[in-house]
Amino acid sequence: MRWPHISNEPLSSRAGNRLQDPCAPIAHPLPEGQANKEVKPMANMIWLGAAVSLVGLAGLIWCIVIAASAKRNSLDDDEMRRRLQKVVVLNMIALLLSLIGLAIVVVGIMLS
């Protein structure tokens, strides 16, 4: 019994012109002039990760603005401590969002 994927033909006849001329152009599946409109799903994942990272970056900038305004207002120690404790929580959330976004970007690049 012969296996269907085993052939007695020489390799050169099965491979066509690619073995004779490795620089020969490969036929494109689309007609000439039409661009490939297929969007890779991992490209969407990369853009999603970039958007999440930008949201985290905006949160970090917001934390800087809040802390600078608290310092500029010359508040007493208790009020300053209360505001900065809120800023620390927002800062950690913003850093977490940036980390998650960058992780999504890295996974998207590795899978594409």
Protein backbone atom coordinates (compact mmCIF):
# COMPACT_ATOMS: atom_id res chain seq x y z
CA MET A 1 0.00 0.00 0.00
CA ARG A 2 1.32 3.42 -0.94
CA TRP A 3 0.86 6.48 1.17
CA PRO A 4 -0.86 9.34 -0.69
CA HIS A 5 1.67 11.98 0.37
CA ILE A 6 4.68 9.96 -0.86
CA SER A 7 5.53 10.49 -4.48
CA ASN A 8 8.04 8.84 -6.77
CA GLU A 9 8.48 12.05 -8.72
CA PRO A 10 11.79 13.84 -8.30
CA LEU A 11 11.75 16.84 -6.01
CA SER A 12 12.65 19.25 -8.80
CA SER A 13 9.51 18.46 -10.78
CA ARG A 14 7.28 18.82 -7.67
CA ALA A 15 8.76 22.16 -6.63
CA GLY A 16 8.48 23.73 -10.06
CA ASN A 17 10.76 26.66 -10.89
CA ARG A 18 11.53 27.60 -7.26
CA LEU A 19 14.45 25.14 -7.08
CA GLN A 20 15.90 26.33 -10.35
CA ASP A 21 15.47 30.04 -9.56
CA PRO A 22 15.05 30.73 -5.83
CA CYS A 23 14.60 34.45 -6.57
CA ALA A 24 11.61 33.87 -8.84
CA PRO A 25 8.59 35.87 -7.69
CA ILE A 26 5.84 34.00 -5.92
CA ALA A 27 2.41 34.42 -7.48
CA HIS A 28 0.23 36.71 -5.39
CA PRO A 29 -3.25 35.31 -4.69
CA LEU A 30 -4.97 38.66 -5.36
CA PRO A 31 -5.24 40.28 -8.78
CA GLU A 32 -2.74 43.02 -9.50
CA GLY A 33 -3.70 46.43 -8.11
CA GLN A 34 -5.80 45.10 -5.23
CA ALA A 35 -4.38 45.45 -1.75
CA ASN A 36 -4.75 42.76 0.85
CA LYS A 37 -7.52 44.10 3.11
CA GLU A 38 -7.17 41.36 5.73
CA VAL A 39 -6.57 42.76 9.22
CA LYS A 40 -4.51 40.59 11.50
CA PRO A 41 -6.19 40.05 14.87
CA MET A 42 -2.88 40.47 16.68
CA ALA A 43 -2.52 43.94 15.17
CA ASN A 44 -5.78 44.84 16.89
CA MET A 45 -4.38 43.43 20.13
CA ILE A 46 -1.29 45.63 19.80
CA TRP A 47 -3.45 48.73 19.28
CA LEU A 48 -5.63 47.76 22.25
CA GLY A 49 -2.54 47.43 24.45
CA ALA A 50 -1.24 50.78 23.26
CA ALA A 51 -4.58 52.41 24.10
CA VAL A 52 -4.59 50.88 27.60
CA SER A 53 -1.02 52.09 28.13
CA LEU A 54 -1.97 55.60 27.04
CA VAL A 55 -4.86 55.62 29.52
CA GLY A 56 -2.36 54.65 32.23
CA LEU A 57 0.02 57.39 31.08
CA ALA A 58 -2.80 59.94 31.22
CA GLY A 59 -3.50 58.76 34.78
CA LEU A 60 0.13 59.29 35.73
CA ILE A 61 0.07 62.81 34.31
CA TRP A 62 -3.15 63.49 36.23
CA CYS A 63 -1.44 62.34 39.45
CA ILE A 64 1.42 64.75 38.80
CA VAL A 65 -1.04 67.62 38.25
CA ILE A 66 -2.93 66.83 41.48
CA ALA A 67 0.27 66.57 43.55
CA ALA A 68 1.67 69.79 42.09
CA SER A 69 -1.53 71.69 42.79
CA ALA A 70 -1.59 70.38 46.38
CA LYS A 71 1.97 71.56 46.87
CA ARG A 72 1.25 74.91 45.26
CA ASN A 73 -1.73 75.59 47.57
CA SER A 74 0.48 75.42 50.69
CA LEU A 75 -1.90 73.23 52.69
CA ASP A 76 -1.36 72.20 56.29
CA ASP A 77 0.21 68.79 56.99
CA ASP A 78 -2.99 66.84 57.61
CA GLU A 79 -4.72 68.10 54.46
CA MET A 80 -1.57 67.55 52.38
CA ARG A 81 -1.22 63.99 53.69
CA ARG A 82 -4.89 63.24 52.94
CA ARG A 83 -4.62 64.50 49.35
CA LEU A 84 -1.34 62.72 48.68
CA GLN A 85 -2.75 59.44 50.01
CA LYS A 86 -5.46 59.67 47.35
CA VAL A 87 -2.83 60.47 44.73
CA VAL A 88 -0.81 57.40 45.72
CA VAL A 89 -3.83 55.15 45.09
CA LEU A 90 -4.50 56.77 41.71
CA ASN A 91 -0.80 56.52 40.88
CA MET A 92 -0.74 52.77 41.57
CA ILE A 93 -3.86 52.22 39.45
CA ALA A 94 -2.33 54.21 36.59
CA LEU A 95 0.92 52.23 36.82
CA LEU A 96 -1.04 48.98 36.79
CA LEU A 97 -2.94 50.07 33.68
CA SER A 98 0.31 50.98 31.94
CA LEU A 99 1.82 47.63 32.88
CA ILE A 100 -1.19 45.68 31.63
CA GLY A 101 -1.21 47.67 28.38
CA LEU A 102 2.47 47.04 27.74
CA ALA A 103 1.99 43.34 28.50
CA ILE A 104 -0.83 43.19 25.95
CA VAL A 105 1.44 44.87 23.37
CA VAL A 106 4.26 42.38 24.03
CA VAL A 107 1.89 39.39 23.78
CA GLY A 108 0.43 40.78 20.57
CA ILE A 109 3.89 41.22 19.05
CA MET A 110 4.97 37.73 20.10
CA LEU A 111 1.84 36.11 18.63
CA SER A 112 1.91 38.00 15.33
